């Protein structure tokens, strides 16, 4: 019997290719940020809206939505989480939350957990001057988009000063980011 070497090499190549795409050999999964309370680009609940007394645009309870994430980049030591409404203040934007120093071992925040100080993060400073989550106070009219951005960093979670604004945080993170994941929630005043 004569063996055709081209056929043997072709068959061997197919077997090798099948091995490489086997379930255990697939590429690393994407870094993701999710919420069990809303899908990406879906509406936030009324309870997630801001609660400033006397402001008719603040119609909620300022309860932060639950968040979770998976597949952080290699070398992640801590996370920073920022929430921005780019349409707020007539397009100048409103920073609703700046928190950082989140240990790499943390992979979620329960509902309401970002609404109060915690040992799981260092509070920064939002546009409203707060170190924690503050929900939408959207005026009547169009939808606003609330962009949650989770940034993986190589920084020590305890090595950052509290009270940084978004711009100060981003300056401190320069050269220390490993990757980011985002999630958008929409909100519109109910009237």
C-alpha atoms as a PDB file:
ATOM      1  CA  UNK A   1       0.000   0.000   0.000  1.00  0.00           C
ATOM      2  CA  UNK A   2       1.342   3.387  -1.018  1.00  0.00           C
ATOM      3  CA  UNK A   3       1.018   6.250   1.506  1.00  0.00           C
ATOM      4  CA  UNK A   4       0.342   9.697   0.128  1.00  0.00           C
ATOM      5  CA  UNK A   5       2.356  12.092   2.336  1.00  0.00           C
ATOM      6  CA  UNK A   6       0.279  15.091   1.241  1.00  0.00           C
ATOM      7  CA  UNK A   7      -2.878  13.363   2.542  1.00  0.00           C
ATOM      8  CA  UNK A   8      -1.167  12.463   5.821  1.00  0.00           C
ATOM      9  CA  UNK A   9       0.040  16.052   6.319  1.00  0.00           C
ATOM     10  CA  UNK A  10      -3.401  17.445   5.416  1.00  0.00           C
ATOM     11  CA  UNK A  11      -5.164  15.096   7.869  1.00  0.00           C
ATOM     12  CA  UNK A  12      -2.632  15.932  10.571  1.00  0.00           C
ATOM     13  CA  UNK A  13      -3.209  19.630   9.943  1.00  0.00           C
ATOM     14  CA  UNK A  14      -6.973  19.186  10.288  1.00  0.00           C
ATOM     15  CA  UNK A  15      -6.531  17.306  13.559  1.00  0.00           C
ATOM     16  CA  UNK A  16      -4.247  20.074  14.888  1.00  0.00           C
ATOM     17  CA  UNK A  17      -6.752  22.778  13.850  1.00  0.00           C
ATOM     18  CA  UNK A  18      -9.587  20.898  15.581  1.00  0.00           C
ATOM     19  CA  UNK A  19      -7.473  20.667  18.739  1.00  0.00           C
ATOM     20  CA  UNK A  20      -6.792  24.417  18.681  1.00  0.00           C
ATOM     21  CA  UNK A  21     -10.464  25.328  18.548  1.00  0.00           C
ATOM     22  CA  UNK A  22     -11.449  22.885  21.271  1.00  0.00           C
ATOM     23  CA  UNK A  23     -13.339  24.470  24.214  1.00  0.00           C
ATOM     24  CA  UNK A  24     -10.275  24.609  26.455  1.00  0.00           C
ATOM     25  CA  UNK A  25      -8.166  26.324  23.796  1.00  0.00           C
ATOM     26  CA  UNK A  26     -10.371  29.315  22.933  1.00  0.00           C
ATOM     27  CA  UNK A  27      -9.242  32.933  23.204  1.00  0.00           C
ATOM     28  CA  UNK A  28      -9.624  34.963  26.406  1.00  0.00           C
ATOM     29  CA  UNK A  29     -13.112  36.350  26.965  1.00  0.00           C
ATOM     30  CA  UNK A  30     -13.841  40.084  26.822  1.00  0.00           C
ATOM     31  CA  UNK A  31     -13.815  42.258  29.939  1.00  0.00           C
ATOM     32  CA  UNK A  32     -17.502  43.032  30.563  1.00  0.00           C
ATOM     33  CA  UNK A  33     -19.627  45.187  32.859  1.00  0.00           C
ATOM     34  CA  UNK A  34     -23.272  44.174  33.372  1.00  0.00           C
ATOM     35  CA  UNK A  35     -26.296  44.792  35.556  1.00  0.00           C
ATOM     36  CA  UNK A  36     -29.017  42.312  36.469  1.00  0.00           C
ATOM     37  CA  UNK A  37     -31.375  45.321  36.701  1.00  0.00           C
ATOM     38  CA  UNK A  38     -31.059  46.674  33.137  1.00  0.00           C
ATOM     39  CA  UNK A  39     -29.573  45.692  29.780  1.00  0.00           C
ATOM     40  CA  UNK A  40     -27.067  47.854  27.938  1.00  0.00           C
ATOM     41  CA  UNK A  41     -28.823  50.981  26.577  1.00  0.00           C
ATOM     42  CA  UNK A  42     -32.059  50.122  28.434  1.00  0.00           C
ATOM     43  CA  UNK A  43     -33.900  52.433  30.867  1.00  0.00           C
ATOM     44  CA  UNK A  44     -32.841  52.771  34.493  1.00  0.00           C
ATOM     45  CA  UNK A  45     -35.527  52.287  37.150  1.00  0.00           C
ATOM     46  CA  UNK A  46     -37.218  55.285  38.751  1.00  0.00           C
ATOM     47  CA  UNK A  47     -35.593  54.399  42.101  1.00  0.00           C
ATOM     48  CA  UNK A  48     -32.165  54.945  40.459  1.00  0.00           C
ATOM     49  CA  UNK A  49     -32.988  58.621  39.793  1.00  0.00           C
ATOM     50  CA  UNK A  50     -31.716  61.375  42.107  1.00  0.00           C
ATOM     51  CA  UNK A  51     -33.556  62.423  45.245  1.00  0.00           C
ATOM     52  CA  UNK A  52     -32.690  66.090  45.907  1.00  0.00           C
ATOM     53  CA  UNK A  53     -35.546  67.629  47.872  1.00  0.00           C
ATOM     54  CA  UNK A  54     -37.033  70.690  46.204  1.00  0.00           C
ATOM     55  CA  UNK A  55     -35.686  69.811  42.732  1.00  0.00           C
ATOM     56  CA  UNK A  56     -38.626  68.733  40.539  1.00  0.00           C
ATOM     57  CA  UNK A  57     -36.213  66.945  38.169  1.00  0.00           C
ATOM     58  CA  UNK A  58     -35.087  64.568  40.954  1.00  0.00           C
ATOM     59  CA  UNK A  59     -37.891  62.013  41.031  1.00  0.00           C
ATOM     60  CA  UNK A  60     -36.224  58.922  42.536  1.00  0.00           C
ATOM     61  CA  UNK A  61     -34.437  57.600  45.603  1.00  0.00           C
ATOM     62  CA  UNK A  62     -30.814  57.723  44.335  1.00  0.00           C
ATOM     63  CA  UNK A  63     -30.414  53.967  44.783  1.00  0.00           C
ATOM     64  CA  UNK A  64     -27.492  52.728  42.713  1.00  0.00           C
ATOM     65  CA  UNK A  65     -28.249  49.816  40.388  1.00  0.00           C
ATOM     66  CA  UNK A  66     -26.487  46.485  40.957  1.00  0.00           C
ATOM     67  CA  UNK A  67     -23.387  45.971  38.806  1.00  0.00           C
ATOM     68  CA  UNK A  68     -21.087  43.022  38.142  1.00  0.00           C
ATOM     69  CA  UNK A  69     -18.108  42.352  35.920  1.00  0.00           C
ATOM     70  CA  UNK A  70     -16.018  39.496  34.599  1.00  0.00           C
ATOM     71  CA  UNK A  71     -12.808  38.665  32.739  1.00  0.00           C
ATOM     72  CA  UNK A  72     -10.553  41.515  33.909  1.00  0.00           C
ATOM     73  CA  UNK A  73      -7.338  42.065  31.961  1.00  0.00           C
ATOM     74  CA  UNK A  74      -4.163  40.350  33.184  1.00  0.00           C
ATOM     75  CA  UNK A  75      -2.292  42.424  35.756  1.00  0.00           C
ATOM     76  CA  UNK A  76      -5.396  44.106  37.226  1.00  0.00           C
ATOM     77  CA  UNK A  77      -4.808  45.192  40.845  1.00  0.00           C
ATOM     78  CA  UNK A  78      -7.752  47.560  41.278  1.00  0.00           C
ATOM     79  CA  UNK A  79     -10.660  49.196  39.494  1.00  0.00           C
ATOM     80  CA  UNK A  80     -12.085  52.696  39.114  1.00  0.00           C
ATOM     81  CA  UNK A  81     -15.756  53.283  38.287  1.00  0.00           C
ATOM     82  CA  UNK A  82     -17.110  56.495  36.794  1.00  0.00           C
ATOM     83  CA  UNK A  83     -20.697  57.435  35.886  1.00  0.00           C
ATOM     84  CA  UNK A  84     -21.237  60.282  33.428  1.00  0.00           C
ATOM     85  CA  UNK A  85     -24.294  61.862  31.780  1.00  0.00           C
ATOM     86  CA  UNK A  86     -22.790  63.419  28.618  1.00  0.00           C
ATOM     87  CA  UNK A  87     -26.028  65.276  27.753  1.00  0.00           C
ATOM     88  CA  UNK A  88     -26.282  66.887  31.202  1.00  0.00           C
ATOM     89  CA  UNK A  89     -25.771  70.626  31.695  1.00  0.00           C
ATOM     90  CA  UNK A  90     -26.689  71.300  28.094  1.00  0.00           C
ATOM     91  CA  UNK A  91     -24.021  68.964  26.721  1.00  0.00           C
ATOM     92  CA  UNK A  92     -21.206  69.915  29.081  1.00  0.00           C
ATOM     93  CA  UNK A  93     -21.817  66.683  30.989  1.00  0.00           C
ATOM     94  CA  UNK A  94     -22.511  65.758  34.583  1.00  0.00           C
ATOM     95  CA  UNK A  95     -20.284  63.374  36.541  1.00  0.00           C
ATOM     96  CA  UNK A  96     -22.648  61.374  38.768  1.00  0.00           C
ATOM     97  CA  UNK A  97     -20.063  59.148  40.462  1.00  0.00           C
ATOM     98  CA  UNK A  98     -16.307  58.747  40.839  1.00  0.00           C
ATOM     99  CA  UNK A  99     -15.116  55.782  42.916  1.00  0.00           C
ATOM    100  CA  UNK A 100     -11.774  53.996  42.750  1.00  0.00           C
ATOM    101  CA  UNK A 101      -9.371  51.860  44.754  1.00  0.00           C
ATOM    102  CA  UNK A 102     -11.784  48.957  44.248  1.00  0.00           C
ATOM    103  CA  UNK A 103      -9.751  45.797  45.009  1.00  0.00           C
ATOM    104  CA  UNK A 104      -9.296  43.291  42.177  1.00  0.00           C
ATOM    105  CA  UNK A 105     -11.083  40.701  44.353  1.00  0.00           C
ATOM    106  CA  UNK A 106     -14.342  42.700  44.110  1.00  0.00           C
ATOM    107  CA  UNK A 107     -16.469  41.683  41.121  1.00  0.00           C
ATOM    108  CA  UNK A 108     -19.835  43.252  41.942  1.00  0.00           C
ATOM    109  CA  UNK A 109     -21.790  45.876  43.816  1.00  0.00           C
ATOM    110  CA  UNK A 110     -25.254  45.074  45.139  1.00  0.00           C
ATOM    111  CA  UNK A 111     -28.183  47.427  44.617  1.00  0.00           C
ATOM    112  CA  UNK A 112     -27.679  50.565  46.715  1.00  0.00           C
ATOM    113  CA  UNK A 113     -24.104  49.660  47.685  1.00  0.00           C
ATOM    114  CA  UNK A 114     -22.588  52.546  45.706  1.00  0.00           C
ATOM    115  CA  UNK A 115     -25.062  55.016  47.258  1.00  0.00           C
ATOM    116  CA  UNK A 116     -23.197  55.125  50.579  1.00  0.00           C
ATOM    117  CA  UNK A 117     -19.552  55.032  51.683  1.00  0.00           C
ATOM    118  CA  UNK A 118     -17.984  51.577  51.770  1.00  0.00           C
ATOM    119  CA  UNK A 119     -14.684  49.891  52.552  1.00  0.00           C
ATOM    120  CA  UNK A 120     -14.885  48.389  49.019  1.00  0.00           C
ATOM    121  CA  UNK A 121     -13.972  51.700  47.330  1.00  0.00           C
ATOM    122  CA  UNK A 122     -12.483  55.160  47.817  1.00  0.00           C
ATOM    123  CA  UNK A 123     -14.986  57.949  47.168  1.00  0.00           C
ATOM    124  CA  UNK A 124     -14.032  60.617  44.691  1.00  0.00           C
ATOM    125  CA  UNK A 125     -15.943  63.794  43.923  1.00  0.00           C
ATOM    126  CA  UNK A 126     -18.878  64.066  41.516  1.00  0.00           C
ATOM    127  CA  UNK A 127     -20.154  67.252  39.885  1.00  0.00           C
ATOM    128  CA  UNK A 128     -22.457  67.517  42.922  1.00  0.00           C
ATOM    129  CA  UNK A 129     -19.439  67.224  45.256  1.00  0.00           C
ATOM    130  CA  UNK A 130     -20.461  63.766  46.503  1.00  0.00           C
ATOM    131  CA  UNK A 131     -18.159  60.751  47.099  1.00  0.00           C
ATOM    132  CA  UNK A 132     -20.851  58.215  46.120  1.00  0.00           C
ATOM    133  CA  UNK A 133     -23.503  57.528  43.481  1.00  0.00           C
ATOM    134  CA  UNK A 134     -26.060  60.221  42.749  1.00  0.00           C
ATOM    135  CA  UNK A 135     -28.850  59.331  40.333  1.00  0.00           C
ATOM    136  CA  UNK A 136     -30.256  61.170  37.320  1.00  0.00           C
ATOM    137  CA  UNK A 137     -32.110  64.433  37.763  1.00  0.00           C
ATOM    138  CA  UNK A 138     -33.028  64.701  34.109  1.00  0.00           C
ATOM    139  CA  UNK A 139     -35.222  67.625  33.076  1.00  0.00           C
ATOM    140  CA  UNK A 140     -38.395  66.825  31.110  1.00  0.00           C
ATOM    141  CA  UNK A 141     -37.685  66.079  27.471  1.00  0.00           C
ATOM    142  CA  UNK A 142     -35.246  63.782  25.744  1.00  0.00           C
ATOM    143  CA  UNK A 143     -33.518  60.698  27.068  1.00  0.00           C
ATOM    144  CA  UNK A 144     -30.130  61.101  28.731  1.00  0.00           C
ATOM    145  CA  UNK A 145     -27.505  58.346  28.585  1.00  0.00           C
ATOM    146  CA  UNK A 146     -25.777  57.390  31.838  1.00  0.00           C
ATOM    147  CA  UNK A 147     -22.444  55.784  30.981  1.00  0.00           C
ATOM    148  CA  UNK A 148     -20.888  53.514  33.595  1.00  0.00           C
ATOM    149  CA  UNK A 149     -17.185  52.972  32.811  1.00  0.00           C
ATOM    150  CA  UNK A 150     -15.193  50.415  34.799  1.00  0.00           C
ATOM    151  CA  UNK A 151     -11.435  50.864  34.409  1.00  0.00           C
ATOM    152  CA  UNK A 152      -8.981  48.091  35.307  1.00  0.00           C
ATOM    153  CA  UNK A 153      -5.697  49.421  36.692  1.00  0.00           C
ATOM    154  CA  UNK A 154      -2.366  48.110  37.940  1.00  0.00           C
ATOM    155  CA  UNK A 155      -2.482  50.471  40.957  1.00  0.00           C
ATOM    156  CA  UNK A 156      -2.590  49.397  44.602  1.00  0.00           C
ATOM    157  CA  UNK A 157      -6.223  49.753  45.736  1.00  0.00           C
ATOM    158  CA  UNK A 158      -5.189  51.568  48.926  1.00  0.00           C
ATOM    159  CA  UNK A 159      -2.603  53.867  47.353  1.00  0.00           C
ATOM    160  CA  UNK A 160      -4.869  56.681  46.158  1.00  0.00           C
ATOM    161  CA  UNK A 161      -6.088  59.791  47.943  1.00  0.00           C
ATOM    162  CA  UNK A 162      -9.837  60.261  48.493  1.00  0.00           C
ATOM    163  CA  UNK A 163     -11.884  63.065  46.975  1.00  0.00           C
ATOM    164  CA  UNK A 164     -10.456  63.169  43.442  1.00  0.00           C
ATOM    165  CA  UNK A 165     -12.569  64.552  40.619  1.00  0.00           C
ATOM    166  CA  UNK A 166     -12.889  62.614  37.374  1.00  0.00           C
ATOM    167  CA  UNK A 167     -10.132  64.697  35.770  1.00  0.00           C
ATOM    168  CA  UNK A 168      -7.810  64.225  38.747  1.00  0.00           C
ATOM    169  CA  UNK A 169      -8.505  60.491  38.742  1.00  0.00           C
ATOM    170  CA  UNK A 170      -7.828  60.201  35.010  1.00  0.00           C
ATOM    171  CA  UNK A 171      -4.512  62.052  35.471  1.00  0.00           C
ATOM    172  CA  UNK A 172      -3.568  59.615  38.273  1.00  0.00           C
ATOM    173  CA  UNK A 173      -4.525  56.638  36.080  1.00  0.00           C
ATOM    174  CA  UNK A 174      -2.418  57.744  33.100  1.00  0.00           C
ATOM    175  CA  UNK A 175      -0.027  54.915  32.254  1.00  0.00           C
ATOM    176  CA  UNK A 176      -1.712  52.549  34.745  1.00  0.00           C
ATOM    177  CA  UNK A 177      -4.830  51.350  32.898  1.00  0.00           C
ATOM    178  CA  UNK A 178      -5.153  47.753  31.742  1.00  0.00           C
ATOM    179  CA  UNK A 179      -8.526  48.017  29.982  1.00  0.00           C
ATOM    180  CA  UNK A 180     -12.105  49.198  30.416  1.00  0.00           C
ATOM    181  CA  UNK A 181     -15.680  47.964  30.157  1.00  0.00           C
ATOM    182  CA  UNK A 182     -18.814  50.057  29.810  1.00  0.00           C
ATOM    183  CA  UNK A 183     -22.563  49.929  30.292  1.00  0.00           C
ATOM    184  CA  UNK A 184     -25.182  52.548  29.390  1.00  0.00           C
ATOM    185  CA  UNK A 185     -28.456  53.128  31.195  1.00  0.00           C
ATOM    186  CA  UNK A 186     -30.984  55.624  29.833  1.00  0.00           C
ATOM    187  CA  UNK A 187     -33.306  57.858  31.827  1.00  0.00           C
ATOM    188  CA  UNK A 188     -36.024  60.362  30.936  1.00  0.00           C
ATOM    189  CA  UNK A 189     -38.128  62.486  33.274  1.00  0.00           C
ATOM    190  CA  UNK A 190     -41.534  60.771  33.587  1.00  0.00           C
ATOM    191  CA  UNK A 191     -43.569  63.873  32.707  1.00  0.00           C
END
